[in-house]
Amino acid sequence: AGNEMQKAKSETEVQRNEIARLKAMDTSAAEVVRAERQRVQERESELQRGVLDLQRQLDEVRRKKQLELMGADVARSEACADLKQRVQRMEEAAERSSSQLEQVQQNVAKLEVELRVVKQREE
């Protein structure tokens, strides 16, 4: 019976050691899982910050492009207004030139009539 008792104590000690070893492994595994979970969360946060930064950059590029387009529209409008003014001035100048030409033609016609009259008198 003493031998049996010793054997039972020995088995109990082996089982206690095994339980302690398994608990240590469980604690170690839990620590590894916790550390991995934390690493994943940190990486996820880093990626989210990256996405937000890229979104801000994209918004800034869109805003700049919109301002450029607005500036181009303003420049185009100003160029159109300038061209309209130039066309108007040219039309006015052409009108004046046309009036002057008409007056010169009338003067030439009068002078030709006077020249014929003078030639007829001389004959």
PDB file of N, CA and C in Angstrom:
ATOM      1  N   ALA A   1       0.824  -1.184   0.000  1.00  0.00           N
ATOM      2  CA  ALA A   1       0.000   0.000   0.000  1.00  0.00           C
ATOM      3  C   ALA A   1       0.863   1.240   0.000  1.00  0.00           C
ATOM      4  N   GLY A   2       2.013   1.168   0.681  1.00  0.00           N
ATOM      5  CA  GLY A   2       2.936   2.296   0.697  1.00  0.00           C
ATOM      6  C   GLY A   2       3.468   2.579  -0.690  1.00  0.00           C
ATOM      7  N   ASN A   3       3.682   1.524  -1.406  1.00  0.00           N
ATOM      8  CA  ASN A   3       4.166   1.657  -2.773  1.00  0.00           C
ATOM      9  C   ASN A   3       3.110   2.315  -3.643  1.00  0.00           C
ATOM     10  N   GLU A   4       1.879   1.909  -3.437  1.00  0.00           N
ATOM     11  CA  GLU A   4       0.752   2.478  -4.189  1.00  0.00           C
ATOM     12  C   GLU A   4       0.621   3.953  -3.878  1.00  0.00           C
ATOM     13  N   MET A   5       0.783   4.260  -2.605  1.00  0.00           N
ATOM     14  CA  MET A   5       0.656   5.646  -2.177  1.00  0.00           C
ATOM     15  C   MET A   5       1.758   6.482  -2.804  1.00  0.00           C
ATOM     16  N   GLN A   6       2.947   5.962  -2.803  1.00  0.00           N
ATOM     17  CA  GLN A   6       4.082   6.667  -3.404  1.00  0.00           C
ATOM     18  C   GLN A   6       3.839   6.862  -4.893  1.00  0.00           C
ATOM     19  N   LYS A   7       3.321   5.832  -5.523  1.00  0.00           N
ATOM     20  CA  LYS A   7       3.044   5.892  -6.956  1.00  0.00           C
ATOM     21  C   LYS A   7       1.978   6.942  -7.232  1.00  0.00           C
ATOM     22  N   ALA A   8       0.931   7.001  -6.409  1.00  0.00           N
ATOM     23  CA  ALA A   8      -0.141   7.986  -6.581  1.00  0.00           C
ATOM     24  C   ALA A   8       0.404   9.390  -6.373  1.00  0.00           C
ATOM     25  N   LYS A   9       1.260   9.579  -5.345  1.00  0.00           N
ATOM     26  CA  LYS A   9       1.858  10.892  -5.108  1.00  0.00           C
ATOM     27  C   LYS A   9       2.711  11.308  -6.296  1.00  0.00           C
ATOM     28  N   SER A  10       3.447  10.355  -6.794  1.00  0.00           N
ATOM     29  CA  SER A  10       4.317  10.623  -7.930  1.00  0.00           C
ATOM     30  C   SER A  10       3.489  11.013  -9.151  1.00  0.00           C
ATOM     31  N   GLU A  11       2.413  10.291  -9.396  1.00  0.00           N
ATOM     32  CA  GLU A  11       1.533  10.618 -10.533  1.00  0.00           C
ATOM     33  C   GLU A  11       0.890  11.976 -10.343  1.00  0.00           C
ATOM     34  N   THR A  12       0.473  12.248  -9.110  1.00  0.00           N
ATOM     35  CA  THR A  12      -0.133  13.546  -8.811  1.00  0.00           C
ATOM     36  C   THR A  12       0.866  14.660  -9.078  1.00  0.00           C
ATOM     37  N   GLU A  13       2.109  14.467  -8.670  1.00  0.00           N
ATOM     38  CA  GLU A  13       3.160  15.475  -8.904  1.00  0.00           C
ATOM     39  C   GLU A  13       3.388  15.672 -10.397  1.00  0.00           C
ATOM     40  N   VAL A  14       3.421  14.572 -11.142  1.00  0.00           N
ATOM     41  CA  VAL A  14       3.598  14.657 -12.604  1.00  0.00           C
ATOM     42  C   VAL A  14       2.434  15.429 -13.208  1.00  0.00           C
ATOM     43  N   GLN A  15       1.227  15.128 -12.754  1.00  0.00           N
ATOM     44  CA  GLN A  15       0.049  15.824 -13.286  1.00  0.00           C
ATOM     45  C   GLN A  15       0.074  17.312 -12.918  1.00  0.00           C
ATOM     46  N   ARG A  16       0.495  17.617 -11.676  1.00  0.00           N
ATOM     47  CA  ARG A  16       0.603  19.032 -11.273  1.00  0.00           C
ATOM     48  C   ARG A  16       1.621  19.767 -12.150  1.00  0.00           C
ATOM     49  N   ASN A  17       2.749  19.117 -12.376  1.00  0.00           N
ATOM     50  CA  ASN A  17       3.774  19.715 -13.239  1.00  0.00           C
ATOM     51  C   ASN A  17       3.234  19.927 -14.658  1.00  0.00           C
ATOM     52  N   GLU A  18       2.500  18.949 -15.151  1.00  0.00           N
ATOM     53  CA  GLU A  18       1.912  19.052 -16.503  1.00  0.00           C
ATOM     54  C   GLU A  18       0.892  20.182 -16.548  1.00  0.00           C
ATOM     55  N   ILE A  19       0.055  20.274 -15.495  1.00  0.00           N
ATOM     56  CA  ILE A  19      -0.933  21.362 -15.422  1.00  0.00           C
ATOM     57  C   ILE A  19      -0.221  22.705 -15.384  1.00  0.00           C
ATOM     58  N   ALA A  20       0.835  22.812 -14.605  1.00  0.00           N
ATOM     59  CA  ALA A  20       1.599  24.064 -14.517  1.00  0.00           C
ATOM     60  C   ALA A  20       2.214  24.396 -15.874  1.00  0.00           C
ATOM     61  N   ARG A  21       2.765  23.363 -16.541  1.00  0.00           N
ATOM     62  CA  ARG A  21       3.354  23.571 -17.866  1.00  0.00           C
ATOM     63  C   ARG A  21       2.291  24.023 -18.858  1.00  0.00           C
ATOM     64  N   LEU A  22       1.107  23.393 -18.849  1.00  0.00           N
ATOM     65  CA  LEU A  22       0.018  23.759 -19.757  1.00  0.00           C
ATOM     66  C   LEU A  22      -0.491  25.170 -19.464  1.00  0.00           C
ATOM     67  N   LYS A  23      -0.586  25.517 -18.163  1.00  0.00           N
ATOM     68  CA  LYS A  23      -1.011  26.876 -17.798  1.00  0.00           C
ATOM     69  C   LYS A  23      -0.006  27.903 -18.312  1.00  0.00           C
ATOM     70  N   ALA A  24       1.275  27.572 -18.177  1.00  0.00           N
ATOM     71  CA  ALA A  24       2.326  28.478 -18.663  1.00  0.00           C
ATOM     72  C   ALA A  24       2.221  28.632 -20.178  1.00  0.00           C
ATOM     73  N   MET A  25       1.979  27.511 -20.865  1.00  0.00           N
ATOM     74  CA  MET A  25       1.813  27.569 -22.327  1.00  0.00           C
ATOM     75  C   MET A  25       0.584  28.391 -22.691  1.00  0.00           C
ATOM     76  N   ASP A  26      -0.499  28.188 -21.939  1.00  0.00           N
ATOM     77  CA  ASP A  26      -1.739  28.926 -22.196  1.00  0.00           C
ATOM     78  C   ASP A  26      -1.511  30.420 -21.997  1.00  0.00           C
ATOM     79  N   THR A  27      -0.823  30.769 -20.914  1.00  0.00           N
ATOM     80  CA  THR A  27      -0.514  32.174 -20.640  1.00  0.00           C
ATOM     81  C   THR A  27       0.365  32.738 -21.747  1.00  0.00           C
ATOM     82  N   SER A  28       1.347  31.958 -22.162  1.00  0.00           N
ATOM     83  CA  SER A  28       2.249  32.392 -23.226  1.00  0.00           C
ATOM     84  C   SER A  28       1.480  32.565 -24.540  1.00  0.00           C
ATOM     85  N   ALA A  29       0.614  31.609 -24.851  1.00  0.00           N
ATOM     86  CA  ALA A  29      -0.189  31.702 -26.077  1.00  0.00           C
ATOM     87  C   ALA A  29      -1.121  32.905 -26.011  1.00  0.00           C
ATOM     88  N   ALA A  30      -1.717  33.136 -24.853  1.00  0.00           N
ATOM     89  CA  ALA A  30      -2.611  34.285 -24.694  1.00  0.00           C
ATOM     90  C   ALA A  30      -1.830  35.582 -24.893  1.00  0.00           C
ATOM     91  N   GLU A  31      -0.598  35.627 -24.384  1.00  0.00           N
ATOM     92  CA  GLU A  31       0.250  36.818 -24.549  1.00  0.00           C
ATOM     93  C   GLU A  31       0.591  37.022 -26.029  1.00  0.00           C
ATOM     94  N   VAL A  32       0.893  35.931 -26.723  1.00  0.00           N
ATOM     95  CA  VAL A  32       1.193  36.020 -28.163  1.00  0.00           C
ATOM     96  C   VAL A  32      -0.030  36.525 -28.919  1.00  0.00           C
ATOM     97  N   VAL A  33      -1.203  35.977 -28.593  1.00  0.00           N
ATOM     98  CA  VAL A  33      -2.444  36.407 -29.252  1.00  0.00           C
ATOM     99  C   VAL A  33      -2.714  37.876 -28.949  1.00  0.00           C
ATOM    100  N   ARG A  34      -2.537  38.282 -27.679  1.00  0.00           N
ATOM    101  CA  ARG A  34      -2.768  39.672 -27.305  1.00  0.00           C
ATOM    102  C   ARG A  34      -1.811  40.597 -28.061  1.00  0.00           C
ATOM    103  N   ALA A  35      -0.544  40.204 -28.115  1.00  0.00           N
ATOM    104  CA  ALA A  35       0.458  41.021 -28.815  1.00  0.00           C
ATOM    105  C   ALA A  35       0.125  41.107 -30.306  1.00  0.00           C
ATOM    106  N   GLU A  36      -0.279  39.993 -30.886  1.00  0.00           N
ATOM    107  CA  GLU A  36      -0.638  39.983 -32.315  1.00  0.00           C
ATOM    108  C   GLU A  36      -1.871  40.843 -32.562  1.00  0.00           C
ATOM    109  N   ARG A  37      -2.853  40.729 -31.680  1.00  0.00           N
ATOM    110  CA  ARG A  37      -4.071  41.539 -31.811  1.00  0.00           C
ATOM    111  C   ARG A  37      -3.713  43.028 -31.738  1.00  0.00           C
ATOM    112  N   GLN A  38      -2.839  43.377 -30.794  1.00  0.00           N
ATOM    113  CA  GLN A  38      -2.425  44.774 -30.656  1.00  0.00           C
ATOM    114  C   GLN A  38      -1.680  45.232 -31.910  1.00  0.00           C
ATOM    115  N   ARG A  39      -0.802  44.377 -32.445  1.00  0.00           N
ATOM    116  CA  ARG A  39      -0.060  44.719 -33.658  1.00  0.00           C
ATOM    117  C   ARG A  39      -1.021  44.935 -34.827  1.00  0.00           C
ATOM    118  N   VAL A  40      -2.023  44.071 -34.942  1.00  0.00           N
ATOM    119  CA  VAL A  40      -3.013  44.203 -36.015  1.00  0.00           C
ATOM    120  C   VAL A  40      -3.803  45.502 -35.846  1.00  0.00           C
ATOM    121  N   GLN A  41      -4.194  45.813 -34.613  1.00  0.00           N
ATOM    122  CA  GLN A  41      -4.940  47.056 -34.370  1.00  0.00           C
ATOM    123  C   GLN A  41      -4.098  48.287 -34.700  1.00  0.00           C
ATOM    124  N   GLU A  42      -2.819  48.243 -34.330  1.00  0.00           N
ATOM    125  CA  GLU A  42      -1.934  49.368 -34.648  1.00  0.00           C
ATOM    126  C   GLU A  42      -1.776  49.519 -36.155  1.00  0.00           C
ATOM    127  N   ARG A  43      -1.630  48.396 -36.853  1.00  0.00           N
ATOM    128  CA  ARG A  43      -1.498  48.433 -38.321  1.00  0.00           C
ATOM    129  C   ARG A  43      -2.785  48.958 -38.952  1.00  0.00           C
ATOM    130  N   GLU A  44      -3.915  48.526 -38.421  1.00  0.00           N
ATOM    131  CA  GLU A  44      -5.205  48.996 -38.926  1.00  0.00           C
ATOM    132  C   GLU A  44      -5.335  50.509 -38.726  1.00  0.00           C
ATOM    133  N   SER A  45      -4.933  50.985 -37.559  1.00  0.00           N
ATOM    134  CA  SER A  45      -4.973  52.431 -37.288  1.00  0.00           C
ATOM    135  C   SER A  45      -4.050  53.178 -38.243  1.00  0.00           C
ATOM    136  N   GLU A  46      -2.870  52.624 -38.471  1.00  0.00           N
ATOM    137  CA  GLU A  46      -1.907  53.241 -39.392  1.00  0.00           C
ATOM    138  C   GLU A  46      -2.499  53.311 -40.804  1.00  0.00           C
ATOM    139  N   LEU A  47      -3.125  52.228 -41.236  1.00  0.00           N
ATOM    140  CA  LEU A  47      -3.738  52.208 -42.570  1.00  0.00           C
ATOM    141  C   LEU A  47      -4.887  53.204 -42.662  1.00  0.00           C
ATOM    142  N   GLN A  48      -5.679  53.307 -41.592  1.00  0.00           N
ATOM    143  CA  GLN A  48      -6.780  54.274 -41.591  1.00  0.00           C
ATOM    144  C   GLN A  48      -6.252  55.701 -41.675  1.00  0.00           C
ATOM    145  N   ARG A  49      -5.157  55.975 -40.953  1.00  0.00           N
ATOM    146  CA  ARG A  49      -4.542  57.311 -41.053  1.00  0.00           C
ATOM    147  C   ARG A  49      -4.052  57.556 -42.474  1.00  0.00           C
ATOM    148  N   GLY A  50      -3.483  56.525 -43.089  1.00  0.00           N
ATOM    149  CA  GLY A  50      -3.017  56.643 -44.473  1.00  0.00           C
ATOM    150  C   GLY A  50      -4.164  56.931 -45.423  1.00  0.00           C
ATOM    151  N   VAL A  51      -5.280  56.243 -45.221  1.00  0.00           N
ATOM    152  CA  VAL A  51      -6.460  56.470 -46.066  1.00  0.00           C
ATOM    153  C   VAL A  51      -6.962  57.900 -45.887  1.00  0.00           C
ATOM    154  N   LEU A  52      -7.034  58.357 -44.643  1.00  0.00           N
ATOM    155  CA  LEU A  52      -7.483  59.733 -44.386  1.00  0.00           C
ATOM    156  C   LEU A  52      -6.541  60.750 -45.020  1.00  0.00           C
ATOM    157  N   ASP A  53      -5.242  60.486 -44.923  1.00  0.00           N
ATOM    158  CA  ASP A  53      -4.261  61.393 -45.526  1.00  0.00           C
ATOM    159  C   ASP A  53      -4.427  61.425 -47.045  1.00  0.00           C
ATOM    160  N   LEU A  54      -4.588  60.254 -47.643  1.00  0.00           N
ATOM    161  CA  LEU A  54      -4.797  60.204 -49.098  1.00  0.00           C
ATOM    162  C   LEU A  54      -6.091  60.905 -49.487  1.00  0.00           C
ATOM    163  N   GLN A  55      -7.125  60.749 -48.678  1.00  0.00           N
ATOM    164  CA  GLN A  55      -8.400  61.419 -48.959  1.00  0.00           C
ATOM    165  C   GLN A  55      -8.223  62.935 -48.900  1.00  0.00           C
ATOM    166  N   ARG A  56      -7.475  63.405 -47.888  1.00  0.00           N
ATOM    167  CA  ARG A  56      -7.204  64.855 -47.789  1.00  0.00           C
ATOM    168  C   ARG A  56      -6.428  65.341 -49.008  1.00  0.00           C
ATOM    169  N   GLN A  57      -5.430  64.562 -49.420  1.00  0.00           N
ATOM    170  CA  GLN A  57      -4.644  64.944 -50.594  1.00  0.00           C
ATOM    171  C   GLN A  57      -5.528  64.991 -51.839  1.00  0.00           C
ATOM    172  N   LEU A  58      -6.389  63.990 -51.987  1.00  0.00           N
ATOM    173  CA  LEU A  58      -7.295  63.955 -53.135  1.00  0.00           C
ATOM    174  C   LEU A  58      -8.230  65.154 -53.118  1.00  0.00           C
ATOM    175  N   ASP A  59      -8.767  65.472 -51.947  1.00  0.00           N
ATOM    176  CA  ASP A  59      -9.647  66.644 -51.830  1.00  0.00           C
ATOM    177  C   ASP A  59      -8.901  67.922 -52.205  1.00  0.00           C
ATOM    178  N   GLU A  60      -7.644  68.023 -51.767  1.00  0.00           N
ATOM    179  CA  GLU A  60      -6.835  69.217 -52.082  1.00  0.00           C
ATOM    180  C   GLU A  60      -6.586  69.315 -53.588  1.00  0.00           C
ATOM    181  N   VAL A  61      -6.267  68.189 -54.217  1.00  0.00           N
ATOM    182  CA  VAL A  61      -6.050  68.185 -55.671  1.00  0.00           C
ATOM    183  C   VAL A  61      -7.334  68.586 -56.389  1.00  0.00           C
ATOM    184  N   ARG A  62      -8.461  68.037 -55.941  1.00  0.00           N
ATOM    185  CA  ARG A  62      -9.747  68.399 -56.564  1.00  0.00           C
ATOM    186  C   ARG A  62     -10.035  69.889 -56.389  1.00  0.00           C
ATOM    187  N   ARG A  63      -9.752  70.422 -55.194  1.00  0.00           N
ATOM    188  CA  ARG A  63     -10.002  71.838 -54.936  1.00  0.00           C
ATOM    189  C   ARG A  63      -9.120  72.709 -55.836  1.00  0.00           C
ATOM    190  N   LYS A  64      -7.837  72.348 -55.937  1.00  0.00           N
ATOM    191  CA  LYS A  64      -6.930  73.107 -56.800  1.00  0.00           C
ATOM    192  C   LYS A  64      -7.384  73.044 -58.252  1.00  0.00           C
ATOM    193  N   LYS A  65      -7.799  71.855 -58.696  1.00  0.00           N
ATOM    194  CA  LYS A  65      -8.250  71.694 -60.082  1.00  0.00           C
ATOM    195  C   LYS A  65      -9.492  72.542 -60.322  1.00  0.00           C
ATOM    196  N   GLN A  66     -10.395  72.563 -59.351  1.00  0.00           N
ATOM    197  CA  GLN A  66     -11.614  73.375 -59.477  1.00  0.00           C
ATOM    198  C   GLN A  66     -11.249  74.852 -59.591  1.00  0.00           C
ATOM    199  N   LEU A  67     -10.292  75.296 -58.760  1.00  0.00           N
ATOM    200  CA  LEU A  67      -9.846  76.691 -58.825  1.00  0.00           C
ATOM    201  C   LEU A  67      -9.204  76.992 -60.172  1.00  0.00           C
ATOM    202  N   GLU A  68      -8.412  76.040 -60.688  1.00  0.00           N
ATOM    203  CA  GLU A  68      -7.796  76.227 -62.003  1.00  0.00           C
ATOM    204  C   GLU A  68      -8.866  76.350 -63.080  1.00  0.00           C
ATOM    205  N   LEU A  69      -9.875  75.488 -63.003  1.00  0.00           N
ATOM    206  CA  LEU A  69     -10.951  75.538 -63.996  1.00  0.00           C
ATOM    207  C   LEU A  69     -11.703  76.855 -63.910  1.00  0.00           C
ATOM    208  N   MET A  70     -11.948  77.307 -62.670  1.00  0.00           N
ATOM    209  CA  MET A  70     -12.637  78.589 -62.505  1.00  0.00           C
ATOM    210  C   MET A  70     -11.781  79.715 -63.075  1.00  0.00           C
ATOM    211  N   GLY A  71     -10.475  79.647 -62.819  1.00  0.00           N
ATOM    212  CA  GLY A  71      -9.559  80.649 -63.356  1.00  0.00           C
ATOM    213  C   GLY A  71      -9.546  80.623 -64.870  1.00  0.00           C
ATOM    214  N   ALA A  72      -9.582  79.420 -65.447  1.00  0.00           N
ATOM    215  CA  ALA A  72      -9.607  79.295 -66.906  1.00  0.00           C
ATOM    216  C   ALA A  72     -10.903  79.875 -67.457  1.00  0.00           C
ATOM    217  N   ASP A  73     -12.014  79.634 -66.756  1.00  0.00           N
ATOM    218  CA  ASP A  73     -13.296  80.198 -67.198  1.00  0.00           C
ATOM    219  C   ASP A  73     -13.255  81.716 -67.169  1.00  0.00           C
ATOM    220  N   VAL A  74     -12.684  82.264 -66.102  1.00  0.00           N
ATOM    221  CA  VAL A  74     -12.576  83.723 -65.982  1.00  0.00           C
ATOM    222  C   VAL A  74     -11.689  84.260 -67.103  1.00  0.00           C
ATOM    223  N   ALA A  75     -10.556  83.602 -67.326  1.00  0.00           N
ATOM    224  CA  ALA A  75      -9.631  84.045 -68.376  1.00  0.00           C
ATOM    225  C   ALA A  75     -10.311  83.973 -69.737  1.00  0.00           C
ATOM    226  N   ARG A  76     -11.063  82.898 -69.973  1.00  0.00           N
ATOM    227  CA  ARG A  76     -11.767  82.743 -71.251  1.00  0.00           C
ATOM    228  C   ARG A  76     -12.818  83.840 -71.397  1.00  0.00           C
ATOM    229  N   SER A  77     -13.545  84.123 -70.333  1.00  0.00           N
ATOM    230  CA  SER A  77     -14.561  85.180 -70.376  1.00  0.00           C
ATOM    231  C   SER A  77     -13.918  86.533 -70.648  1.00  0.00           C
ATOM    232  N   GLU A  78     -12.793  86.797 -69.978  1.00  0.00           N
ATOM    233  CA  GLU A  78     -12.094  88.063 -70.192  1.00  0.00           C
ATOM    234  C   GLU A  78     -11.580  88.155 -71.624  1.00  0.00           C
ATOM    235  N   ALA A  79     -11.049  87.046 -72.143  1.00  0.00           N
ATOM    236  CA  ALA A  79     -10.545  87.038 -73.519  1.00  0.00           C
ATOM    237  C   ALA A  79     -11.689  87.284 -74.499  1.00  0.00           C
ATOM    238  N   CYS A  80     -12.840  86.663 -74.242  1.00  0.00           N
ATOM    239  CA  CYS A  80     -14.009  86.869 -75.115  1.00  0.00           C
ATOM    240  C   CYS A  80     -14.452  88.329 -75.076  1.00  0.00           C
ATOM    241  N   ALA A  81     -14.495  88.908 -73.888  1.00  0.00           N
ATOM    242  CA  ALA A  81     -14.902  90.309 -73.755  1.00  0.00           C
ATOM    243  C   ALA A  81     -13.913  91.212 -74.490  1.00  0.00           C
ATOM    244  N   ASP A  82     -12.631  90.912 -74.354  1.00  0.00           N
ATOM    245  CA  ASP A  82     -11.602  91.697 -75.041  1.00  0.00           C
ATOM    246  C   ASP A  82     -11.765  91.583 -76.553  1.00  0.00           C
ATOM    247  N   LEU A  83     -11.996  90.361 -77.027  1.00  0.00           N
ATOM    248  CA  LEU A  83     -12.183  90.170 -78.477  1.00  0.00           C
ATOM    249  C   LEU A  83     -13.427  90.901 -78.973  1.00  0.00           C
ATOM    250  N   LYS A  84     -14.498  90.868 -78.203  1.00  0.00           N
ATOM    251  CA  LYS A  84     -15.718  91.579 -78.605  1.00  0.00           C
ATOM    252  C   LYS A  84     -15.453  93.076 -78.715  1.00  0.00           C
ATOM    253  N   GLN A  85     -14.703  93.622 -77.750  1.00  0.00           N
ATOM    254  CA  GLN A  85     -14.369  95.052 -77.792  1.00  0.00           C
ATOM    255  C   GLN A  85     -13.517  95.364 -79.019  1.00  0.00           C
ATOM    256  N   ARG A  86     -12.554  94.498 -79.299  1.00  0.00           N
ATOM    257  CA  ARG A  86     -11.700  94.720 -80.472  1.00  0.00           C
ATOM    258  C   ARG A  86     -12.512  94.658 -81.757  1.00  0.00           C
ATOM    259  N   VAL A  87     -13.417  93.684 -81.847  1.00  0.00           N
ATOM    260  CA  VAL A  87     -14.274  93.572 -83.039  1.00  0.00           C
ATOM    261  C   VAL A  87     -15.130  94.823 -83.174  1.00  0.00           C
ATOM    262  N   GLN A  88     -15.682  95.283 -82.055  1.00  0.00           N
ATOM    263  CA  GLN A  88     -16.522  96.485 -82.094  1.00  0.00           C
ATOM    264  C   GLN A  88     -15.708  97.688 -82.570  1.00  0.00           C
ATOM    265  N   ARG A  89     -14.484  97.843 -82.040  1.00  0.00           N
ATOM    266  CA  ARG A  89     -13.638  98.967 -82.476  1.00  0.00           C
ATOM    267  C   ARG A  89     -13.300  98.850 -83.959  1.00  0.00           C
ATOM    268  N   MET A  90     -13.026  97.628 -84.409  1.00  0.00           N
ATOM    269  CA  MET A  90     -12.701  97.429 -85.825  1.00  0.00           C
ATOM    270  C   MET A  90     -13.908  97.727 -86.707  1.00  0.00           C
ATOM    271  N   GLU A  91     -15.093  97.307 -86.249  1.00  0.00           N
ATOM    272  CA  GLU A  91     -16.309  97.606 -87.020  1.00  0.00           C
ATOM    273  C   GLU A  91     -16.537  99.112 -87.088  1.00  0.00           C
ATOM    274  N   GLU A  92     -16.313  99.795 -85.963  1.00  0.00           N
ATOM    275  CA  GLU A  92     -16.473 101.255 -85.947  1.00  0.00           C
ATOM    276  C   GLU A  92     -15.454 101.910 -86.874  1.00  0.00           C
ATOM    277  N   ALA A  93     -14.215 101.419 -86.852  1.00  0.00           N
ATOM    278  CA  ALA A  93     -13.178 101.961 -87.733  1.00  0.00           C
ATOM    279  C   ALA A  93     -13.537 101.694 -89.190  1.00  0.00           C
ATOM    280  N   ALA A  94     -14.057 100.503 -89.469  1.00  0.00           N
ATOM    281  CA  ALA A  94     -14.463 100.173 -90.839  1.00  0.00           C
ATOM    282  C   ALA A  94     -15.607 101.074 -91.277  1.00  0.00           C
ATOM    283  N   GLU A  95     -16.524 101.342 -90.370  1.00  0.00           N
ATOM    284  CA  GLU A  95     -17.655 102.240 -90.673  1.00  0.00           C
ATOM    285  C   GLU A  95     -17.133 103.635 -91.006  1.00  0.00           C
ATOM    286  N   ARG A  96     -16.194 104.133 -90.184  1.00  0.00           N
ATOM    287  CA  ARG A  96     -15.615 105.461 -90.452  1.00  0.00           C
ATOM    288  C   ARG A  96     -14.886 105.463 -91.792  1.00  0.00           C
ATOM    289  N   SER A  97     -14.110 104.412 -92.035  1.00  0.00           N
ATOM    290  CA  SER A  97     -13.378 104.329 -93.301  1.00  0.00           C
ATOM    291  C   SER A  97     -14.339 104.269 -94.470  1.00  0.00           C
ATOM    292  N   SER A  98     -15.418 103.537 -94.299  1.00  0.00           N
ATOM    293  CA  SER A  98     -16.426 103.431 -95.359  1.00  0.00           C
ATOM    294  C   SER A  98     -17.051 104.792 -95.631  1.00  0.00           C
ATOM    295  N   SER A  99     -17.362 105.540 -94.573  1.00  0.00           N
ATOM    296  CA  SER A  99     -17.931 106.886 -94.733  1.00  0.00           C
ATOM    297  C   SER A  99     -16.929 107.799 -95.426  1.00  0.00           C
ATOM    298  N   GLN A 100     -15.674 107.717 -94.998  1.00  0.00           N
ATOM    299  CA  GLN A 100     -14.643 108.550 -95.618  1.00  0.00           C
ATOM    300  C   GLN A 100     -14.473 108.185 -97.090  1.00  0.00           C
ATOM    301  N   LEU A 101     -14.490 106.893 -97.389  1.00  0.00           N
ATOM    302  CA  LEU A 101     -14.359 106.449 -98.776  1.00  0.00           C
ATOM    303  C   LEU A 101     -15.513 106.972 -99.604  1.00  0.00           C
ATOM    304  N   GLU A 102     -16.717 106.895 -99.062  1.00  0.00           N
ATOM    305  CA  GLU A 102     -17.900 107.387 -99.776  1.00  0.00           C
ATOM    306  C   GLU A 102     -17.770 108.884-100.053  1.00  0.00           C
ATOM    307  N   GLN A 103     -17.299 109.613 -99.059  1.00  0.00           N
ATOM    308  CA  GLN A 103     -17.126 111.062 -99.226  1.00  0.00           C
ATOM    309  C   GLN A 103     -16.056 111.356-100.280  1.00  0.00           C
ATOM    310  N   VAL A 104     -14.944 110.598-100.232  1.00  0.00           N
ATOM    311  CA  VAL A 104     -13.884 110.785-101.226  1.00  0.00           C
ATOM    312  C   VAL A 104     -14.415 110.466-102.616  1.00  0.00           C
ATOM    313  N   GLN A 105     -15.196 109.393-102.742  1.00  0.00           N
ATOM    314  CA  GLN A 105     -15.756 109.038-104.052  1.00  0.00           C
ATOM    315  C   GLN A 105     -16.687 110.140-104.560  1.00  0.00           C
ATOM    316  N   GLN A 106     -17.479 110.719-103.655  1.00  0.00           N
ATOM    317  CA  GLN A 106     -18.361 111.822-104.062  1.00  0.00           C
ATOM    318  C   GLN A 106     -17.532 113.025-104.517  1.00  0.00           C
ATOM    319  N   ASN A 107     -16.461 113.318-103.781  1.00  0.00           N
ATOM    320  CA  ASN A 107     -15.588 114.433-104.164  1.00  0.00           C
ATOM    321  C   ASN A 107     -14.939 114.177-105.516  1.00  0.00           C
ATOM    322  N   VAL A 108     -14.494 112.935-105.745  1.00  0.00           N
ATOM    323  CA  VAL A 108     -13.891 112.580-107.031  1.00  0.00           C
ATOM    324  C   VAL A 108     -14.919 112.750-108.134  1.00  0.00           C
ATOM    325  N   ALA A 109     -16.148 112.292-107.893  1.00  0.00           N
ATOM    326  CA  ALA A 109     -17.203 112.427-108.914  1.00  0.00           C
ATOM    327  C   ALA A 109     -17.458 113.900-109.220  1.00  0.00           C
ATOM    328  N   LYS A 110     -17.502 114.753-108.193  1.00  0.00           N
ATOM    329  CA  LYS A 110     -17.707 116.190-108.403  1.00  0.00           C
ATOM    330  C   LYS A 110     -16.564 116.784-109.212  1.00  0.00           C
ATOM    331  N   LEU A 111     -15.331 116.379-108.844  1.00  0.00           N
ATOM    332  CA  LEU A 111     -14.173 116.899-109.565  1.00  0.00           C
ATOM    333  C   LEU A 111     -14.178 116.451-111.018  1.00  0.00           C
ATOM    334  N   GLU A 112     -14.606 115.217-111.270  1.00  0.00           N
ATOM    335  CA  GLU A 112     -14.688 114.735-112.649  1.00  0.00           C
ATOM    336  C   GLU A 112     -15.718 115.539-113.435  1.00  0.00           C
ATOM    337  N   VAL A 113     -16.848 115.842-112.787  1.00  0.00           N
ATOM    338  CA  VAL A 113     -17.881 116.653-113.447  1.00  0.00           C
ATOM    339  C   VAL A 113     -17.309 118.038-113.751  1.00  0.00           C
ATOM    340  N   GLU A 114     -16.647 118.623-112.759  1.00  0.00           N
ATOM    341  CA  GLU A 114     -16.062 119.953-112.959  1.00  0.00           C
ATOM    342  C   GLU A 114     -15.019 119.923-114.071  1.00  0.00           C
ATOM    343  N   LEU A 115     -14.227 118.831-114.108  1.00  0.00           N
ATOM    344  CA  LEU A 115     -13.212 118.707-115.147  1.00  0.00           C
ATOM    345  C   LEU A 115     -13.861 118.642-116.519  1.00  0.00           C
ATOM    346  N   ARG A 116     -14.953 117.895-116.668  1.00  0.00           N
ATOM    347  CA  ARG A 116     -15.660 117.817-117.955  1.00  0.00           C
ATOM    348  C   ARG A 116     -16.207 119.190-118.345  1.00  0.00           C
ATOM    349  N   VAL A 117     -16.747 119.876-117.338  1.00  0.00           N
ATOM    350  CA  VAL A 117     -17.309 121.204-117.615  1.00  0.00           C
ATOM    351  C   VAL A 117     -16.190 122.132-118.107  1.00  0.00           C
ATOM    352  N   VAL A 118     -15.052 122.094-117.441  1.00  0.00           N
ATOM    353  CA  VAL A 118     -13.930 122.946-117.827  1.00  0.00           C
ATOM    354  C   VAL A 118     -13.461 122.584-119.229  1.00  0.00           C
ATOM    355  N   LYS A 119     -13.374 121.296-119.557  1.00  0.00           N
ATOM    356  CA  LYS A 119     -12.929 120.859-120.880  1.00  0.00           C
ATOM    357  C   LYS A 119     -13.924 121.298-121.943  1.00  0.00           C
ATOM    358  N   GLN A 120     -15.209 121.238-121.621  1.00  0.00           N
ATOM    359  CA  GLN A 120     -16.223 121.636-122.604  1.00  0.00           C
ATOM    360  C   GLN A 120     -16.133 123.136-122.868  1.00  0.00           C
ATOM    361  N   ARG A 121     -15.839 123.895-121.882  1.00  0.00           N
ATOM    362  CA  ARG A 121     -15.725 125.338-122.065  1.00  0.00           C
ATOM    363  C   ARG A 121     -14.515 125.669-122.930  1.00  0.00           C
ATOM    364  N   GLU A 122     -13.475 124.890-122.754  1.00  0.00           N
ATOM    365  CA  GLU A 122     -12.272 125.151-123.521  1.00  0.00           C
ATOM    366  C   GLU A 122     -12.482 124.817-124.977  1.00  0.00           C
ATOM    367  N   GLU A 123     -13.338 123.948-125.278  1.00  0.00           N
ATOM    368  CA  GLU A 123     -13.545 123.535-126.660  1.00  0.00           C
ATOM    369  C   GLU A 123     -14.363 124.504-127.359  1.00  0.00           C
TER     370      GLU A 123
END
